[in-house]
Amino acid sequence: MTRLIISEEATQDLQDIGDYIALDNLDVAISFVERIERRCLEIAQHPGIGRKRNELKPGLKSCAEGKYLIFYKTASGITEIIRIVHGYRAIEKIFEEM
């Protein structure tokens, strides 16, 4: 397993996702955030999974969890979760700004 780091942006993404879902159902929000967290741990355990997303940023990969995409990079035994975004968002724009 590589060391897992979650960026400030990804931490905020996860908070926003939880807050949005909690508007309708707090239990579902908690469950879904935990599901995303487990997926992040799975990515750290198996950093080779996921789809290469070099068109967005060199070395970037993504892995889906429900309708959300977890974007990450791996290097030197470290997996960094960069962003967690809904798949229908303008993803190219998000990474242009980074």
PDB file of N, CA and C in Angstrom:
ATOM      1  N   MET A   1       0.847  -1.189   0.000  1.00  0.00           N
ATOM      2  CA  MET A   1       0.000   0.000   0.000  1.00  0.00           C
ATOM      3  C   MET A   1       0.879   1.235   0.000  1.00  0.00           C
ATOM      4  N   THR A   2       0.521   2.194  -0.804  1.00  0.00           N
ATOM      5  CA  THR A   2       1.239   3.459  -0.778  1.00  0.00           C
ATOM      6  C   THR A   2       0.647   4.348   0.313  1.00  0.00           C
ATOM      7  N   ARG A   3       1.398   5.353   0.665  1.00  0.00           N
ATOM      8  CA  ARG A   3       0.926   6.331   1.647  1.00  0.00           C
ATOM      9  C   ARG A   3      -0.170   7.171   0.983  1.00  0.00           C
ATOM     10  N   LEU A   4      -1.259   7.437   1.691  1.00  0.00           N
ATOM     11  CA  LEU A   4      -2.386   8.183   1.147  1.00  0.00           C
ATOM     12  C   LEU A   4      -2.391   9.608   1.671  1.00  0.00           C
ATOM     13  N   ILE A   5      -2.472  10.551   0.735  1.00  0.00           N
ATOM     14  CA  ILE A   5      -2.610  11.964   1.066  1.00  0.00           C
ATOM     15  C   ILE A   5      -3.869  12.462   0.367  1.00  0.00           C
ATOM     16  N   ILE A   6      -4.669  13.228   1.078  1.00  0.00           N
ATOM     17  CA  ILE A   6      -5.867  13.825   0.481  1.00  0.00           C
ATOM     18  C   ILE A   6      -5.670  15.333   0.495  1.00  0.00           C
ATOM     19  N   SER A   7      -5.703  15.926  -0.704  1.00  0.00           N
ATOM     20  CA  SER A   7      -5.455  17.363  -0.827  1.00  0.00           C
ATOM     21  C   SER A   7      -6.549  18.167  -0.113  1.00  0.00           C
ATOM     22  N   GLU A   8      -6.239  19.422   0.156  1.00  0.00           N
ATOM     23  CA  GLU A   8      -7.232  20.309   0.769  1.00  0.00           C
ATOM     24  C   GLU A   8      -8.461  20.431  -0.123  1.00  0.00           C
ATOM     25  N   GLU A   9      -8.239  20.501  -1.435  1.00  0.00           N
ATOM     26  CA  GLU A   9      -9.352  20.621  -2.380  1.00  0.00           C
ATOM     27  C   GLU A   9     -10.247  19.388  -2.339  1.00  0.00           C
ATOM     28  N   ALA A  10      -9.638  18.197  -2.296  1.00  0.00           N
ATOM     29  CA  ALA A  10     -10.411  16.961  -2.237  1.00  0.00           C
ATOM     30  C   ALA A  10     -11.154  16.842  -0.907  1.00  0.00           C
ATOM     31  N   THR A  11     -10.518  17.285   0.178  1.00  0.00           N
ATOM     32  CA  THR A  11     -11.178  17.279   1.484  1.00  0.00           C
ATOM     33  C   THR A  11     -12.400  18.190   1.448  1.00  0.00           C
ATOM     34  N   GLN A  12     -12.246  19.357   0.831  1.00  0.00           N
ATOM     35  CA  GLN A  12     -13.381  20.280   0.706  1.00  0.00           C
ATOM     36  C   GLN A  12     -14.456  19.700  -0.208  1.00  0.00           C
ATOM     37  N   ASP A  13     -14.034  19.051  -1.300  1.00  0.00           N
ATOM     38  CA  ASP A  13     -14.997  18.394  -2.198  1.00  0.00           C
ATOM     39  C   ASP A  13     -15.839  17.395  -1.418  1.00  0.00           C
ATOM     40  N   LEU A  14     -15.174  16.570  -0.609  1.00  0.00           N
ATOM     41  CA  LEU A  14     -15.874  15.541   0.152  1.00  0.00           C
ATOM     42  C   LEU A  14     -16.837  16.167   1.161  1.00  0.00           C
ATOM     43  N   GLN A  15     -16.420  17.237   1.788  1.00  0.00           N
ATOM     44  CA  GLN A  15     -17.295  17.958   2.724  1.00  0.00           C
ATOM     45  C   GLN A  15     -18.515  18.507   1.981  1.00  0.00           C
ATOM     46  N   ASP A  16     -18.292  19.109   0.828  1.00  0.00           N
ATOM     47  CA  ASP A  16     -19.392  19.673   0.034  1.00  0.00           C
ATOM     48  C   ASP A  16     -20.367  18.591  -0.419  1.00  0.00           C
ATOM     49  N   ILE A  17     -19.830  17.458  -0.843  1.00  0.00           N
ATOM     50  CA  ILE A  17     -20.675  16.340  -1.280  1.00  0.00           C
ATOM     51  C   ILE A  17     -21.551  15.880  -0.111  1.00  0.00           C
ATOM     52  N   GLY A  18     -20.928  15.678   1.037  1.00  0.00           N
ATOM     53  CA  GLY A  18     -21.680  15.265   2.219  1.00  0.00           C
ATOM     54  C   GLY A  18     -22.744  16.266   2.614  1.00  0.00           C
ATOM     55  N   ASP A  19     -22.389  17.547   2.604  1.00  0.00           N
ATOM     56  CA  ASP A  19     -23.353  18.597   2.959  1.00  0.00           C
ATOM     57  C   ASP A  19     -24.532  18.618   1.995  1.00  0.00           C
ATOM     58  N   TYR A  20     -24.255  18.462   0.707  1.00  0.00           N
ATOM     59  CA  TYR A  20     -25.319  18.498  -0.303  1.00  0.00           C
ATOM     60  C   TYR A  20     -26.275  17.318  -0.124  1.00  0.00           C
ATOM     61  N   ILE A  21     -25.731  16.125   0.037  1.00  0.00           N
ATOM     62  CA  ILE A  21     -26.580  14.944   0.203  1.00  0.00           C
ATOM     63  C   ILE A  21     -27.354  15.023   1.512  1.00  0.00           C
ATOM     64  N   ALA A  22     -26.729  15.573   2.555  1.00  0.00           N
ATOM     65  CA  ALA A  22     -27.364  15.684   3.871  1.00  0.00           C
ATOM     66  C   ALA A  22     -28.593  16.579   3.852  1.00  0.00           C
ATOM     67  N   LEU A  23     -28.699  17.462   2.866  1.00  0.00           N
ATOM     68  CA  LEU A  23     -29.901  18.292   2.757  1.00  0.00           C
ATOM     69  C   LEU A  23     -31.145  17.425   2.610  1.00  0.00           C
ATOM     70  N   ASP A  24     -30.987  16.259   1.990  1.00  0.00           N
ATOM     71  CA  ASP A  24     -32.106  15.332   1.813  1.00  0.00           C
ATOM     72  C   ASP A  24     -32.111  14.213   2.853  1.00  0.00           C
ATOM     73  N   ASN A  25     -30.899  13.701   3.195  1.00  0.00           N
ATOM     74  CA  ASN A  25     -30.856  12.542   4.077  1.00  0.00           C
ATOM     75  C   ASN A  25     -29.466  12.434   4.706  1.00  0.00           C
ATOM     76  N   LEU A  26     -29.396  12.707   5.990  1.00  0.00           N
ATOM     77  CA  LEU A  26     -28.108  12.694   6.695  1.00  0.00           C
ATOM     78  C   LEU A  26     -27.480  11.305   6.702  1.00  0.00           C
ATOM     79  N   ASP A  27     -28.272  10.274   6.926  1.00  0.00           N
ATOM     80  CA  ASP A  27     -27.719   8.913   6.969  1.00  0.00           C
ATOM     81  C   ASP A  27     -27.117   8.515   5.631  1.00  0.00           C
ATOM     82  N   VAL A  28     -27.780   8.858   4.554  1.00  0.00           N
ATOM     83  CA  VAL A  28     -27.259   8.551   3.218  1.00  0.00           C
ATOM     84  C   VAL A  28     -25.972   9.333   2.980  1.00  0.00           C
ATOM     85  N   ALA A  29     -25.931  10.577   3.420  1.00  0.00           N
ATOM     86  CA  ALA A  29     -24.729  11.404   3.258  1.00  0.00           C
ATOM     87  C   ALA A  29     -23.535  10.767   3.973  1.00  0.00           C
ATOM     88  N   ILE A  30     -23.748  10.365   5.207  1.00  0.00           N
ATOM     89  CA  ILE A  30     -22.661   9.749   5.982  1.00  0.00           C
ATOM     90  C   ILE A  30     -22.197   8.468   5.302  1.00  0.00           C
ATOM     91  N   SER A  31     -23.147   7.649   4.885  1.00  0.00           N
ATOM     92  CA  SER A  31     -22.820   6.385   4.228  1.00  0.00           C
ATOM     93  C   SER A  31     -22.039   6.600   2.933  1.00  0.00           C
ATOM     94  N   PHE A  32     -22.462   7.587   2.135  1.00  0.00           N
ATOM     95  CA  PHE A  32     -21.798   7.822   0.862  1.00  0.00           C
ATOM     96  C   PHE A  32     -20.391   8.381   1.052  1.00  0.00           C
ATOM     97  N   VAL A  33     -20.219   9.292   1.983  1.00  0.00           N
ATOM     98  CA  VAL A  33     -18.882   9.836   2.264  1.00  0.00           C
ATOM     99  C   VAL A  33     -17.958   8.705   2.726  1.00  0.00           C
ATOM    100  N   GLU A  34     -18.471   7.818   3.554  1.00  0.00           N
ATOM    101  CA  GLU A  34     -17.664   6.668   3.994  1.00  0.00           C
ATOM    102  C   GLU A  34     -17.307   5.769   2.810  1.00  0.00           C
ATOM    103  N   ARG A  35     -18.238   5.619   1.870  1.00  0.00           N
ATOM    104  CA  ARG A  35     -17.981   4.819   0.667  1.00  0.00           C
ATOM    105  C   ARG A  35     -16.856   5.425  -0.163  1.00  0.00           C
ATOM    106  N   ILE A  36     -16.873   6.741  -0.319  1.00  0.00           N
ATOM    107  CA  ILE A  36     -15.810   7.416  -1.062  1.00  0.00           C
ATOM    108  C   ILE A  36     -14.471   7.261  -0.324  1.00  0.00           C
ATOM    109  N   GLU A  37     -14.497   7.392   0.999  1.00  0.00           N
ATOM    110  CA  GLU A  37     -13.269   7.228   1.780  1.00  0.00           C
ATOM    111  C   GLU A  37     -12.697   5.821   1.617  1.00  0.00           C
ATOM    112  N   ARG A  38     -13.559   4.807   1.621  1.00  0.00           N
ATOM    113  CA  ARG A  38     -13.097   3.428   1.403  1.00  0.00           C
ATOM    114  C   ARG A  38     -12.495   3.268   0.014  1.00  0.00           C
ATOM    115  N   ARG A  39     -13.103   3.933  -0.963  1.00  0.00           N
ATOM    116  CA  ARG A  39     -12.586   3.856  -2.339  1.00  0.00           C
ATOM    117  C   ARG A  39     -11.206   4.499  -2.413  1.00  0.00           C
ATOM    118  N   CYS A  40     -11.009   5.590  -1.698  1.00  0.00           N
ATOM    119  CA  CYS A  40      -9.694   6.239  -1.667  1.00  0.00           C
ATOM    120  C   CYS A  40      -8.646   5.306  -1.070  1.00  0.00           C
ATOM    121  N   LEU A  41      -9.011   4.583  -0.018  1.00  0.00           N
ATOM    122  CA  LEU A  41      -8.094   3.608   0.572  1.00  0.00           C
ATOM    123  C   LEU A  41      -7.792   2.479  -0.411  1.00  0.00           C
ATOM    124  N   GLU A  42      -8.800   2.051  -1.148  1.00  0.00           N
ATOM    125  CA  GLU A  42      -8.607   1.013  -2.164  1.00  0.00           C
ATOM    126  C   GLU A  42      -7.646   1.500  -3.245  1.00  0.00           C
ATOM    127  N   ILE A  43      -7.786   2.751  -3.648  1.00  0.00           N
ATOM    128  CA  ILE A  43      -6.881   3.328  -4.644  1.00  0.00           C
ATOM    129  C   ILE A  43      -5.447   3.312  -4.116  1.00  0.00           C
ATOM    130  N   ALA A  44      -5.263   3.664  -2.839  1.00  0.00           N
ATOM    131  CA  ALA A  44      -3.917   3.657  -2.250  1.00  0.00           C
ATOM    132  C   ALA A  44      -3.344   2.237  -2.187  1.00  0.00           C
ATOM    133  N   GLN A  45      -4.199   1.254  -1.959  1.00  0.00           N
ATOM    134  CA  GLN A  45      -3.746  -0.138  -1.904  1.00  0.00           C
ATOM    135  C   GLN A  45      -3.397  -0.669  -3.291  1.00  0.00           C
ATOM    136  N   HIS A  46      -4.105  -0.175  -4.298  1.00  0.00           N
ATOM    137  CA  HIS A  46      -3.915  -0.630  -5.683  1.00  0.00           C
ATOM    138  C   HIS A  46      -3.797   0.582  -6.601  1.00  0.00           C
ATOM    139  N   PRO A  47      -2.709   1.316  -6.515  1.00  0.00           N
ATOM    140  CA  PRO A  47      -2.601   2.582  -7.255  1.00  0.00           C
ATOM    141  C   PRO A  47      -2.620   2.435  -8.773  1.00  0.00           C
ATOM    142  N   GLY A  48      -2.471   1.219  -9.271  1.00  0.00           N
ATOM    143  CA  GLY A  48      -2.510   1.016 -10.719  1.00  0.00           C
ATOM    144  C   GLY A  48      -3.909   0.998 -11.299  1.00  0.00           C
ATOM    145  N   ILE A  49      -4.936   0.930 -10.428  1.00  0.00           N
ATOM    146  CA  ILE A  49      -6.300   0.925 -10.948  1.00  0.00           C
ATOM    147  C   ILE A  49      -6.651   2.322 -11.435  1.00  0.00           C
ATOM    148  N   GLY A  50      -7.713   2.414 -12.128  1.00  0.00           N
ATOM    149  CA  GLY A  50      -8.168   3.723 -12.585  1.00  0.00           C
ATOM    150  C   GLY A  50      -7.806   3.976 -14.024  1.00  0.00           C
ATOM    151  N   ARG A  51      -8.362   5.028 -14.534  1.00  0.00           N
ATOM    152  CA  ARG A  51      -8.195   5.434 -15.927  1.00  0.00           C
ATOM    153  C   ARG A  51      -7.184   6.570 -16.006  1.00  0.00           C
ATOM    154  N   LYS A  52      -6.250   6.458 -16.925  1.00  0.00           N
ATOM    155  CA  LYS A  52      -5.291   7.545 -17.123  1.00  0.00           C
ATOM    156  C   LYS A  52      -6.020   8.759 -17.671  1.00  0.00           C
ATOM    157  N   ARG A  53      -5.696   9.926 -17.120  1.00  0.00           N
ATOM    158  CA  ARG A  53      -6.342  11.184 -17.519  1.00  0.00           C
ATOM    159  C   ARG A  53      -5.302  12.236 -17.899  1.00  0.00           C
ATOM    160  N   ASN A  54      -4.330  11.810 -18.688  1.00  0.00           N
ATOM    161  CA  ASN A  54      -3.260  12.718 -19.107  1.00  0.00           C
ATOM    162  C   ASN A  54      -3.775  13.904 -19.909  1.00  0.00           C
ATOM    163  N   GLU A  55      -4.967  13.779 -20.497  1.00  0.00           N
ATOM    164  CA  GLU A  55      -5.536  14.909 -21.240  1.00  0.00           C
ATOM    165  C   GLU A  55      -5.883  16.073 -20.315  1.00  0.00           C
ATOM    166  N   LEU A  56      -6.026  15.779 -19.015  1.00  0.00           N
ATOM    167  CA  LEU A  56      -6.318  16.822 -18.035  1.00  0.00           C
ATOM    168  C   LEU A  56      -5.045  17.348 -17.382  1.00  0.00           C
ATOM    169  N   LYS A  57      -4.207  16.444 -16.933  1.00  0.00           N
ATOM    170  CA  LYS A  57      -2.911  16.771 -16.321  1.00  0.00           C
ATOM    171  C   LYS A  57      -2.017  15.539 -16.452  1.00  0.00           C
ATOM    172  N   PRO A  58      -0.740  15.728 -16.763  1.00  0.00           N
ATOM    173  CA  PRO A  58       0.167  14.584 -16.866  1.00  0.00           C
ATOM    174  C   PRO A  58       0.208  13.785 -15.555  1.00  0.00           C
ATOM    175  N   GLY A  59       0.096  12.461 -15.683  1.00  0.00           N
ATOM    176  CA  GLY A  59       0.178  11.580 -14.533  1.00  0.00           C
ATOM    177  C   GLY A  59      -1.106  11.426 -13.741  1.00  0.00           C
ATOM    178  N   LEU A  60      -2.165  12.132 -14.145  1.00  0.00           N
ATOM    179  CA  LEU A  60      -3.437  12.092 -13.426  1.00  0.00           C
ATOM    180  C   LEU A  60      -4.214  10.839 -13.800  1.00  0.00           C
ATOM    181  N   LYS A  61      -4.897  10.258 -12.813  1.00  0.00           N
ATOM    182  CA  LYS A  61      -5.786   9.122 -13.030  1.00  0.00           C
ATOM    183  C   LYS A  61      -7.121   9.429 -12.367  1.00  0.00           C
ATOM    184  N   SER A  62      -8.162   8.685 -12.787  1.00  0.00           N
ATOM    185  CA  SER A  62      -9.455   8.819 -12.123  1.00  0.00           C
ATOM    186  C   SER A  62     -10.056   7.447 -11.894  1.00  0.00           C
ATOM    187  N   CYS A  63     -10.877   7.380 -10.870  1.00  0.00           N
ATOM    188  CA  CYS A  63     -11.573   6.158 -10.512  1.00  0.00           C
ATOM    189  C   CYS A  63     -12.980   6.574 -10.086  1.00  0.00           C
ATOM    190  N   ALA A  64     -13.985   5.869 -10.576  1.00  0.00           N
ATOM    191  CA  ALA A  64     -15.368   6.232 -10.288  1.00  0.00           C
ATOM    192  C   ALA A  64     -15.852   5.618  -8.983  1.00  0.00           C
ATOM    193  N   GLU A  65     -16.714   6.367  -8.321  1.00  0.00           N
ATOM    194  CA  GLU A  65     -17.486   5.852  -7.185  1.00  0.00           C
ATOM    195  C   GLU A  65     -18.881   6.453  -7.326  1.00  0.00           C
ATOM    196  N   GLY A  66     -19.796   5.627  -7.778  1.00  0.00           N
ATOM    197  CA  GLY A  66     -21.128   6.139  -8.099  1.00  0.00           C
ATOM    198  C   GLY A  66     -21.003   7.120  -9.250  1.00  0.00           C
ATOM    199  N   LYS A  67     -21.628   8.266  -9.124  1.00  0.00           N
ATOM    200  CA  LYS A  67     -21.573   9.298 -10.163  1.00  0.00           C
ATOM    201  C   LYS A  67     -20.401  10.260  -9.971  1.00  0.00           C
ATOM    202  N   TYR A  68     -19.547   9.960  -9.001  1.00  0.00           N
ATOM    203  CA  TYR A  68     -18.410  10.826  -8.694  1.00  0.00           C
ATOM    204  C   TYR A  68     -17.113  10.233  -9.216  1.00  0.00           C
ATOM    205  N   LEU A  69     -16.184  11.109  -9.527  1.00  0.00           N
ATOM    206  CA  LEU A  69     -14.860  10.701  -9.975  1.00  0.00           C
ATOM    207  C   LEU A  69     -13.828  11.155  -8.954  1.00  0.00           C
ATOM    208  N   ILE A  70     -12.962  10.232  -8.596  1.00  0.00           N
ATOM    209  CA  ILE A  70     -11.865  10.522  -7.680  1.00  0.00           C
ATOM    210  C   ILE A  70     -10.617  10.662  -8.544  1.00  0.00           C
ATOM    211  N   PHE A  71     -10.030  11.841  -8.542  1.00  0.00           N
ATOM    212  CA  PHE A  71      -8.828  12.110  -9.331  1.00  0.00           C
ATOM    213  C   PHE A  71      -7.614  12.020  -8.421  1.00  0.00           C
ATOM    214  N   TYR A  72      -6.574  11.337  -8.904  1.00  0.00           N
ATOM    215  CA  TYR A  72      -5.399  11.114  -8.067  1.00  0.00           C
ATOM    216  C   TYR A  72      -4.135  10.962  -8.894  1.00  0.00           C
ATOM    217  N   LYS A  73      -3.007  11.098  -8.192  1.00  0.00           N
ATOM    218  CA  LYS A  73      -1.686  10.867  -8.769  1.00  0.00           C
ATOM    219  C   LYS A  73      -0.922   9.950  -7.827  1.00  0.00           C
ATOM    220  N   THR A  74      -0.039   9.159  -8.390  1.00  0.00           N
ATOM    221  CA  THR A  74       0.824   8.306  -7.576  1.00  0.00           C
ATOM    222  C   THR A  74       2.274   8.547  -7.977  1.00  0.00           C
ATOM    223  N   ALA A  75       3.142   8.592  -6.972  1.00  0.00           N
ATOM    224  CA  ALA A  75       4.578   8.753  -7.224  1.00  0.00           C
ATOM    225  C   ALA A  75       5.334   8.436  -5.944  1.00  0.00           C
ATOM    226  N   SER A  76       6.434   7.737  -6.085  1.00  0.00           N
ATOM    227  CA  SER A  76       7.354   7.464  -4.975  1.00  0.00           C
ATOM    228  C   SER A  76       6.647   6.926  -3.732  1.00  0.00           C
ATOM    229  N   GLY A  77       5.738   5.976  -3.914  1.00  0.00           N
ATOM    230  CA  GLY A  77       5.062   5.367  -2.776  1.00  0.00           C
ATOM    231  C   GLY A  77       4.002   6.225  -2.125  1.00  0.00           C
ATOM    232  N   ILE A  78       3.568   7.282  -2.818  1.00  0.00           N
ATOM    233  CA  ILE A  78       2.535   8.165  -2.286  1.00  0.00           C
ATOM    234  C   ILE A  78       1.399   8.253  -3.302  1.00  0.00           C
ATOM    235  N   THR A  79       0.174   8.097  -2.814  1.00  0.00           N
ATOM    236  CA  THR A  79      -1.014   8.332  -3.628  1.00  0.00           C
ATOM    237  C   THR A  79      -1.677   9.590  -3.079  1.00  0.00           C
ATOM    238  N   GLU A  80      -1.852  10.572  -3.960  1.00  0.00           N
ATOM    239  CA  GLU A  80      -2.507  11.813  -3.542  1.00  0.00           C
ATOM    240  C   GLU A  80      -3.842  11.949  -4.250  1.00  0.00           C
ATOM    241  N   ILE A  81      -4.892  12.054  -3.453  1.00  0.00           N
ATOM    242  CA  ILE A  81      -6.221  12.328  -3.986  1.00  0.00           C
ATOM    243  C   ILE A  81      -6.260  13.832  -4.252  1.00  0.00           C
ATOM    244  N   ILE A  82      -6.470  14.187  -5.517  1.00  0.00           N
ATOM    245  CA  ILE A  82      -6.405  15.592  -5.932  1.00  0.00           C
ATOM    246  C   ILE A  82      -7.770  16.275  -5.829  1.00  0.00           C
ATOM    247  N   ARG A  83      -8.791  15.640  -6.401  1.00  0.00           N
ATOM    248  CA  ARG A  83     -10.151  16.197  -6.393  1.00  0.00           C
ATOM    249  C   ARG A  83     -11.150  15.052  -6.375  1.00  0.00           C
ATOM    250  N   ILE A  84     -12.353  15.326  -5.907  1.00  0.00           N
ATOM    251  CA  ILE A  84     -13.479  14.394  -5.951  1.00  0.00           C
ATOM    252  C   ILE A  84     -14.662  15.192  -6.486  1.00  0.00           C
ATOM    253  N   VAL A  85     -15.077  14.882  -7.718  1.00  0.00           N
ATOM    254  CA  VAL A  85     -16.098  15.709  -8.365  1.00  0.00           C
ATOM    255  C   VAL A  85     -17.170  14.853  -9.021  1.00  0.00           C
ATOM    256  N   HIS A  86     -18.345  15.446  -9.163  1.00  0.00           N
ATOM    257  CA  HIS A  86     -19.443  14.783  -9.858  1.00  0.00           C
ATOM    258  C   HIS A  86     -19.074  14.655 -11.329  1.00  0.00           C
ATOM    259  N   GLY A  87     -19.377  13.521 -11.920  1.00  0.00           N
ATOM    260  CA  GLY A  87     -19.000  13.243 -13.301  1.00  0.00           C
ATOM    261  C   GLY A  87     -19.634  14.159 -14.321  1.00  0.00           C
ATOM    262  N   TYR A  88     -20.712  14.850 -13.958  1.00  0.00           N
ATOM    263  CA  TYR A  88     -21.381  15.748 -14.901  1.00  0.00           C
ATOM    264  C   TYR A  88     -20.828  17.169 -14.872  1.00  0.00           C
ATOM    265  N   ARG A  89     -19.895  17.445 -13.979  1.00  0.00           N
ATOM    266  CA  ARG A  89     -19.302  18.781 -13.933  1.00  0.00           C
ATOM    267  C   ARG A  89     -18.361  18.982 -15.108  1.00  0.00           C
ATOM    268  N   ALA A  90     -18.037  20.209 -15.396  1.00  0.00           N
ATOM    269  CA  ALA A  90     -17.092  20.551 -16.463  1.00  0.00           C
ATOM    270  C   ALA A  90     -15.678  20.266 -15.943  1.00  0.00           C
ATOM    271  N   ILE A  91     -15.293  19.020 -16.037  1.00  0.00           N
ATOM    272  CA  ILE A  91     -14.043  18.556 -15.439  1.00  0.00           C
ATOM    273  C   ILE A  91     -12.831  19.242 -16.049  1.00  0.00           C
ATOM    274  N   GLU A  92     -12.857  19.457 -17.352  1.00  0.00           N
ATOM    275  CA  GLU A  92     -11.726  20.114 -18.002  1.00  0.00           C
ATOM    276  C   GLU A  92     -11.478  21.481 -17.394  1.00  0.00           C
ATOM    277  N   LYS A  93     -12.558  22.206 -17.097  1.00  0.00           N
ATOM    278  CA  LYS A  93     -12.427  23.543 -16.509  1.00  0.00           C
ATOM    279  C   LYS A  93     -11.807  23.490 -15.119  1.00  0.00           C
ATOM    280  N   ILE A  94     -12.170  22.480 -14.357  1.00  0.00           N
ATOM    281  CA  ILE A  94     -11.632  22.338 -13.002  1.00  0.00           C
ATOM    282  C   ILE A  94     -10.110  22.209 -13.060  1.00  0.00           C
ATOM    283  N   PHE A  95      -9.618  21.410 -14.011  1.00  0.00           N
ATOM    284  CA  PHE A  95      -8.180  21.178 -14.074  1.00  0.00           C
ATOM    285  C   PHE A  95      -7.431  22.269 -14.843  1.00  0.00           C
ATOM    286  N   GLU A  96      -8.131  23.065 -15.622  1.00  0.00           N
ATOM    287  CA  GLU A  96      -7.501  24.238 -16.233  1.00  0.00           C
ATOM    288  C   GLU A  96      -7.103  25.239 -15.175  1.00  0.00           C
ATOM    289  N   GLU A  97      -7.928  25.317 -14.111  1.00  0.00           N
ATOM    290  CA  GLU A  97      -7.712  26.288 -13.050  1.00  0.00           C
ATOM    291  C   GLU A  97      -6.612  25.856 -12.084  1.00  0.00           C
ATOM    292  N   MET A  98      -6.185  24.610 -12.167  1.00  0.00           N
ATOM    293  CA  MET A  98      -5.172  24.100 -11.232  1.00  0.00           C
ATOM    294  C   MET A  98      -3.781  24.280 -11.795  1.00  0.00           C
TER     295      MET A  98
END
